[in-house]
Amino acid sequence: MGELTDKIKGNINEAIGNVKEAIGNHTDNDKLVAEGEAQQLEGKGEKVKGSVKGALGDNI
């Protein structure tokens, strides 16, 4: 995957994670809160991966 694809995927995962966390907080569902937080971290990782690819080239 290219730099832009990784960054978009990261943004989507962060957004979905934020929604899961908010719903979990609102409904007192600790499992959903944890899933949301984990998905946000995954999204941040994908964005970093995209940034590294951009700095080093997409062929890594």
PDB file of N, CA and C in Angstrom:
ATOM      1  N   MET A   1       0.826  -1.181   0.000  1.00  0.00           N
ATOM      2  CA  MET A   1       0.000   0.000   0.000  1.00  0.00           C
ATOM      3  C   MET A   1       0.867   1.239   0.000  1.00  0.00           C
ATOM      4  N   GLY A   2       0.345   2.278  -0.562  1.00  0.00           N
ATOM      5  CA  GLY A   2       1.078   3.520  -0.629  1.00  0.00           C
ATOM      6  C   GLY A   2       0.883   4.387   0.594  1.00  0.00           C
ATOM      7  N   GLU A   3       1.633   5.456   0.582  1.00  0.00           N
ATOM      8  CA  GLU A   3       1.606   6.402   1.698  1.00  0.00           C
ATOM      9  C   GLU A   3       0.195   6.936   1.946  1.00  0.00           C
ATOM     10  N   LEU A   4      -0.450   7.402   0.896  1.00  0.00           N
ATOM     11  CA  LEU A   4      -1.777   8.005   1.036  1.00  0.00           C
ATOM     12  C   LEU A   4      -2.804   6.982   1.518  1.00  0.00           C
ATOM     13  N   THR A   5      -2.729   5.771   0.998  1.00  0.00           N
ATOM     14  CA  THR A   5      -3.662   4.719   1.404  1.00  0.00           C
ATOM     15  C   THR A   5      -3.532   4.423   2.890  1.00  0.00           C
ATOM     16  N   ASP A   6      -2.314   4.325   3.378  1.00  0.00           N
ATOM     17  CA  ASP A   6      -2.090   4.060   4.803  1.00  0.00           C
ATOM     18  C   ASP A   6      -2.625   5.195   5.665  1.00  0.00           C
ATOM     19  N   LYS A   7      -2.402   6.415   5.239  1.00  0.00           N
ATOM     20  CA  LYS A   7      -2.867   7.562   6.018  1.00  0.00           C
ATOM     21  C   LYS A   7      -4.391   7.627   6.047  1.00  0.00           C
ATOM     22  N   ILE A   8      -5.036   7.350   4.918  1.00  0.00           N
ATOM     23  CA  ILE A   8      -6.505   7.347   4.869  1.00  0.00           C
ATOM     24  C   ILE A   8      -7.060   6.250   5.760  1.00  0.00           C
ATOM     25  N   LYS A   9      -6.470   5.061   5.650  1.00  0.00           N
ATOM     26  CA  LYS A   9      -6.894   3.938   6.479  1.00  0.00           C
ATOM     27  C   LYS A   9      -6.733   4.276   7.966  1.00  0.00           C
ATOM     28  N   GLY A  10      -5.644   4.946   8.302  1.00  0.00           N
ATOM     29  CA  GLY A  10      -5.414   5.360   9.681  1.00  0.00           C
ATOM     30  C   GLY A  10      -6.462   6.342  10.174  1.00  0.00           C
ATOM     31  N   ASN A  11      -6.805   7.306   9.333  1.00  0.00           N
ATOM     32  CA  ASN A  11      -7.833   8.283   9.704  1.00  0.00           C
ATOM     33  C   ASN A  11      -9.185   7.620   9.919  1.00  0.00           C
ATOM     34  N   ILE A  12      -9.516   6.659   9.055  1.00  0.00           N
ATOM     35  CA  ILE A  12     -10.789   5.952   9.184  1.00  0.00           C
ATOM     36  C   ILE A  12     -10.822   5.158  10.483  1.00  0.00           C
ATOM     37  N   ASN A  13      -9.746   4.441  10.776  1.00  0.00           N
ATOM     38  CA  ASN A  13      -9.703   3.655  12.014  1.00  0.00           C
ATOM     39  C   ASN A  13      -9.778   4.545  13.251  1.00  0.00           C
ATOM     40  N   GLU A  14      -9.128   5.689  13.206  1.00  0.00           N
ATOM     41  CA  GLU A  14      -9.208   6.608  14.340  1.00  0.00           C
ATOM     42  C   GLU A  14     -10.636   7.113  14.536  1.00  0.00           C
ATOM     43  N   ALA A  15     -11.301   7.455  13.431  1.00  0.00           N
ATOM     44  CA  ALA A  15     -12.670   7.965  13.521  1.00  0.00           C
ATOM     45  C   ALA A  15     -13.616   6.898  14.069  1.00  0.00           C
ATOM     46  N   ILE A  16     -13.514   5.682  13.556  1.00  0.00           N
ATOM     47  CA  ILE A  16     -14.369   4.600  14.033  1.00  0.00           C
ATOM     48  C   ILE A  16     -14.073   4.309  15.509  1.00  0.00           C
ATOM     49  N   GLY A  17     -12.804   4.336  15.864  1.00  0.00           N
ATOM     50  CA  GLY A  17     -12.425   4.123  17.258  1.00  0.00           C
ATOM     51  C   GLY A  17     -12.996   5.183  18.178  1.00  0.00           C
ATOM     52  N   ASN A  18     -12.992   6.430  17.728  1.00  0.00           N
ATOM     53  CA  ASN A  18     -13.572   7.524  18.522  1.00  0.00           C
ATOM     54  C   ASN A  18     -15.059   7.294  18.754  1.00  0.00           C
ATOM     55  N   VAL A  19     -15.760   6.864  17.710  1.00  0.00           N
ATOM     56  CA  VAL A  19     -17.197   6.612  17.829  1.00  0.00           C
ATOM     57  C   VAL A  19     -17.451   5.458  18.796  1.00  0.00           C
ATOM     58  N   LYS A  20     -16.691   4.372  18.649  1.00  0.00           N
ATOM     59  CA  LYS A  20     -16.857   3.227  19.555  1.00  0.00           C
ATOM     60  C   LYS A  20     -16.615   3.642  21.001  1.00  0.00           C
ATOM     61  N   GLU A  21     -15.565   4.415  21.215  1.00  0.00           N
ATOM     62  CA  GLU A  21     -15.247   4.846  22.572  1.00  0.00           C
ATOM     63  C   GLU A  21     -16.359   5.724  23.145  1.00  0.00           C
ATOM     64  N   ALA A  22     -16.868   6.641  22.333  1.00  0.00           N
ATOM     65  CA  ALA A  22     -17.938   7.531  22.794  1.00  0.00           C
ATOM     66  C   ALA A  22     -19.211   6.748  23.126  1.00  0.00           C
ATOM     67  N   ILE A  23     -19.568   5.804  22.265  1.00  0.00           N
ATOM     68  CA  ILE A  23     -20.755   4.982  22.532  1.00  0.00           C
ATOM     69  C   ILE A  23     -20.533   4.141  23.788  1.00  0.00           C
ATOM     70  N   GLY A  24     -19.346   3.576  23.918  1.00  0.00           N
ATOM     71  CA  GLY A  24     -19.033   2.779  25.100  1.00  0.00           C
ATOM     72  C   GLY A  24     -19.113   3.595  26.380  1.00  0.00           C
ATOM     73  N   ASN A  25     -18.610   4.818  26.338  1.00  0.00           N
ATOM     74  CA  ASN A  25     -18.689   5.693  27.518  1.00  0.00           C
ATOM     75  C   ASN A  25     -20.138   6.032  27.845  1.00  0.00           C
ATOM     76  N   HIS A  26     -20.917   6.295  26.813  1.00  0.00           N
ATOM     77  CA  HIS A  26     -22.319   6.679  27.006  1.00  0.00           C
ATOM     78  C   HIS A  26     -23.162   5.530  27.559  1.00  0.00           C
ATOM     79  N   THR A  27     -22.830   4.302  27.158  1.00  0.00           N
ATOM     80  CA  THR A  27     -23.609   3.136  27.578  1.00  0.00           C
ATOM     81  C   THR A  27     -22.943   2.360  28.710  1.00  0.00           C
ATOM     82  N   ASP A  28     -21.870   2.878  29.257  1.00  0.00           N
ATOM     83  CA  ASP A  28     -21.103   2.204  30.314  1.00  0.00           C
ATOM     84  C   ASP A  28     -20.639   0.813  29.890  1.00  0.00           C
ATOM     85  N   ASN A  29     -20.205   0.704  28.631  1.00  0.00           N
ATOM     86  CA  ASN A  29     -19.726  -0.565  28.084  1.00  0.00           C
ATOM     87  C   ASN A  29     -18.200  -0.494  28.001  1.00  0.00           C
ATOM     88  N   ASP A  30     -17.541  -1.027  29.012  1.00  0.00           N
ATOM     89  CA  ASP A  30     -16.082  -0.953  29.091  1.00  0.00           C
ATOM     90  C   ASP A  30     -15.398  -1.686  27.935  1.00  0.00           C
ATOM     91  N   LYS A  31     -16.004  -2.773  27.481  1.00  0.00           N
ATOM     92  CA  LYS A  31     -15.422  -3.531  26.374  1.00  0.00           C
ATOM     93  C   LYS A  31     -15.400  -2.681  25.099  1.00  0.00           C
ATOM     94  N   LEU A  32     -16.477  -1.968  24.833  1.00  0.00           N
ATOM     95  CA  LEU A  32     -16.539  -1.119  23.641  1.00  0.00           C
ATOM     96  C   LEU A  32     -15.568   0.052  23.749  1.00  0.00           C
ATOM     97  N   VAL A  33     -15.406   0.595  24.946  1.00  0.00           N
ATOM     98  CA  VAL A  33     -14.434   1.669  25.165  1.00  0.00           C
ATOM     99  C   VAL A  33     -13.032   1.163  24.836  1.00  0.00           C
ATOM    100  N   ALA A  34     -12.704  -0.028  25.331  1.00  0.00           N
ATOM    101  CA  ALA A  34     -11.379  -0.600  25.083  1.00  0.00           C
ATOM    102  C   ALA A  34     -11.168  -0.883  23.592  1.00  0.00           C
ATOM    103  N   GLU A  35     -12.197  -1.396  22.919  1.00  0.00           N
ATOM    104  CA  GLU A  35     -12.092  -1.639  21.471  1.00  0.00           C
ATOM    105  C   GLU A  35     -11.851  -0.334  20.730  1.00  0.00           C
ATOM    106  N   GLY A  36     -12.555   0.701  21.127  1.00  0.00           N
ATOM    107  CA  GLY A  36     -12.389   2.002  20.487  1.00  0.00           C
ATOM    108  C   GLY A  36     -10.995   2.565  20.677  1.00  0.00           C
ATOM    109  N   GLU A  37     -10.483   2.440  21.876  1.00  0.00           N
ATOM    110  CA  GLU A  37      -9.130   2.931  22.153  1.00  0.00           C
ATOM    111  C   GLU A  37      -8.100   2.148  21.356  1.00  0.00           C
ATOM    112  N   ALA A  38      -8.289   0.835  21.267  1.00  0.00           N
ATOM    113  CA  ALA A  38      -7.359  -0.004  20.502  1.00  0.00           C
ATOM    114  C   ALA A  38      -7.406   0.349  19.017  1.00  0.00           C
ATOM    115  N   GLN A  39      -8.601   0.587  18.507  1.00  0.00           N
ATOM    116  CA  GLN A  39      -8.725   0.920  17.090  1.00  0.00           C
ATOM    117  C   GLN A  39      -8.108   2.286  16.793  1.00  0.00           C
ATOM    118  N   GLN A  40      -8.207   3.204  17.730  1.00  0.00           N
ATOM    119  CA  GLN A  40      -7.573   4.502  17.547  1.00  0.00           C
ATOM    120  C   GLN A  40      -6.053   4.364  17.491  1.00  0.00           C
ATOM    121  N   LEU A  41      -5.506   3.519  18.354  1.00  0.00           N
ATOM    122  CA  LEU A  41      -4.059   3.279  18.341  1.00  0.00           C
ATOM    123  C   LEU A  41      -3.622   2.633  17.029  1.00  0.00           C
ATOM    124  N   GLU A  42      -4.435   1.709  16.539  1.00  0.00           N
ATOM    125  CA  GLU A  42      -4.137   1.076  15.252  1.00  0.00           C
ATOM    126  C   GLU A  42      -4.116   2.127  14.139  1.00  0.00           C
ATOM    127  N   GLY A  43      -5.080   3.031  14.189  1.00  0.00           N
ATOM    128  CA  GLY A  43      -5.136   4.091  13.188  1.00  0.00           C
ATOM    129  C   GLY A  43      -3.927   5.008  13.246  1.00  0.00           C
ATOM    130  N   LYS A  44      -3.507   5.344  14.453  1.00  0.00           N
ATOM    131  CA  LYS A  44      -2.320   6.192  14.601  1.00  0.00           C
ATOM    132  C   LYS A  44      -1.091   5.486  14.047  1.00  0.00           C
ATOM    133  N   GLY A  45      -1.008   4.181  14.282  1.00  0.00           N
ATOM    134  CA  GLY A  45       0.110   3.400  13.750  1.00  0.00           C
ATOM    135  C   GLY A  45       0.128   3.382  12.232  1.00  0.00           C
ATOM    136  N   GLU A  46      -1.051   3.252  11.638  1.00  0.00           N
ATOM    137  CA  GLU A  46      -1.136   3.256  10.176  1.00  0.00           C
ATOM    138  C   GLU A  46      -0.724   4.609   9.604  1.00  0.00           C
ATOM    139  N   LYS A  47      -1.098   5.686  10.299  1.00  0.00           N
ATOM    140  CA  LYS A  47      -0.705   7.013   9.821  1.00  0.00           C
ATOM    141  C   LYS A  47       0.809   7.198   9.905  1.00  0.00           C
ATOM    142  N   VAL A  48       1.419   6.691  10.973  1.00  0.00           N
ATOM    143  CA  VAL A  48       2.878   6.767  11.106  1.00  0.00           C
ATOM    144  C   VAL A  48       3.537   5.956   9.995  1.00  0.00           C
ATOM    145  N   LYS A  49       2.999   4.767   9.745  1.00  0.00           N
ATOM    146  CA  LYS A  49       3.509   3.914   8.674  1.00  0.00           C
ATOM    147  C   LYS A  49       3.453   4.657   7.334  1.00  0.00           C
ATOM    148  N   GLY A  50       2.350   5.346   7.074  1.00  0.00           N
ATOM    149  CA  GLY A  50       2.227   6.125   5.851  1.00  0.00           C
ATOM    150  C   GLY A  50       3.244   7.245   5.785  1.00  0.00           C
ATOM    151  N   SER A  51       3.487   7.899   6.901  1.00  0.00           N
ATOM    152  CA  SER A  51       4.471   8.981   6.934  1.00  0.00           C
ATOM    153  C   SER A  51       5.880   8.462   6.655  1.00  0.00           C
ATOM    154  N   VAL A  52       6.194   7.300   7.219  1.00  0.00           N
ATOM    155  CA  VAL A  52       7.514   6.698   6.987  1.00  0.00           C
ATOM    156  C   VAL A  52       7.659   6.334   5.513  1.00  0.00           C
ATOM    157  N   LYS A  53       6.607   5.755   4.949  1.00  0.00           N
ATOM    158  CA  LYS A  53       6.654   5.422   3.525  1.00  0.00           C
ATOM    159  C   LYS A  53       6.865   6.677   2.687  1.00  0.00           C
ATOM    160  N   GLY A  54       6.224   7.774   3.088  1.00  0.00           N
ATOM    161  CA  GLY A  54       6.385   9.007   2.347  1.00  0.00           C
ATOM    162  C   GLY A  54       7.809   9.543   2.431  1.00  0.00           C
ATOM    163  N   ALA A  55       8.417   9.380   3.581  1.00  0.00           N
ATOM    164  CA  ALA A  55       9.776   9.880   3.777  1.00  0.00           C
ATOM    165  C   ALA A  55      10.808   8.997   3.069  1.00  0.00           C
ATOM    166  N   LEU A  56      10.553   7.692   3.059  1.00  0.00           N
ATOM    167  CA  LEU A  56      11.540   6.760   2.499  1.00  0.00           C
ATOM    168  C   LEU A  56      11.176   6.278   1.104  1.00  0.00           C
ATOM    169  N   GLY A  57       9.984   6.550   0.673  1.00  0.00           N
ATOM    170  CA  GLY A  57       9.539   6.060  -0.631  1.00  0.00           C
ATOM    171  C   GLY A  57       8.577   4.908  -0.438  1.00  0.00           C
ATOM    172  N   ASP A  58       7.627   4.768  -1.339  1.00  0.00           N
ATOM    173  CA  ASP A  58       6.579   3.756  -1.203  1.00  0.00           C
ATOM    174  C   ASP A  58       7.088   2.336  -1.424  1.00  0.00           C
ATOM    175  N   ASN A  59       8.296   2.153  -1.883  1.00  0.00           N
ATOM    176  CA  ASN A  59       8.796   0.830  -2.232  1.00  0.00           C
ATOM    177  C   ASN A  59       9.461   0.095  -1.079  1.00  0.00           C
ATOM    178  N   ILE A  60       9.101   0.434   0.164  1.00  0.00           N
ATOM    179  CA  ILE A  60       9.707  -0.269   1.303  1.00  0.00           C
ATOM    180  C   ILE A  60       8.783  -1.354   1.786  1.00  0.00           C
TER     181      ILE A  60
END
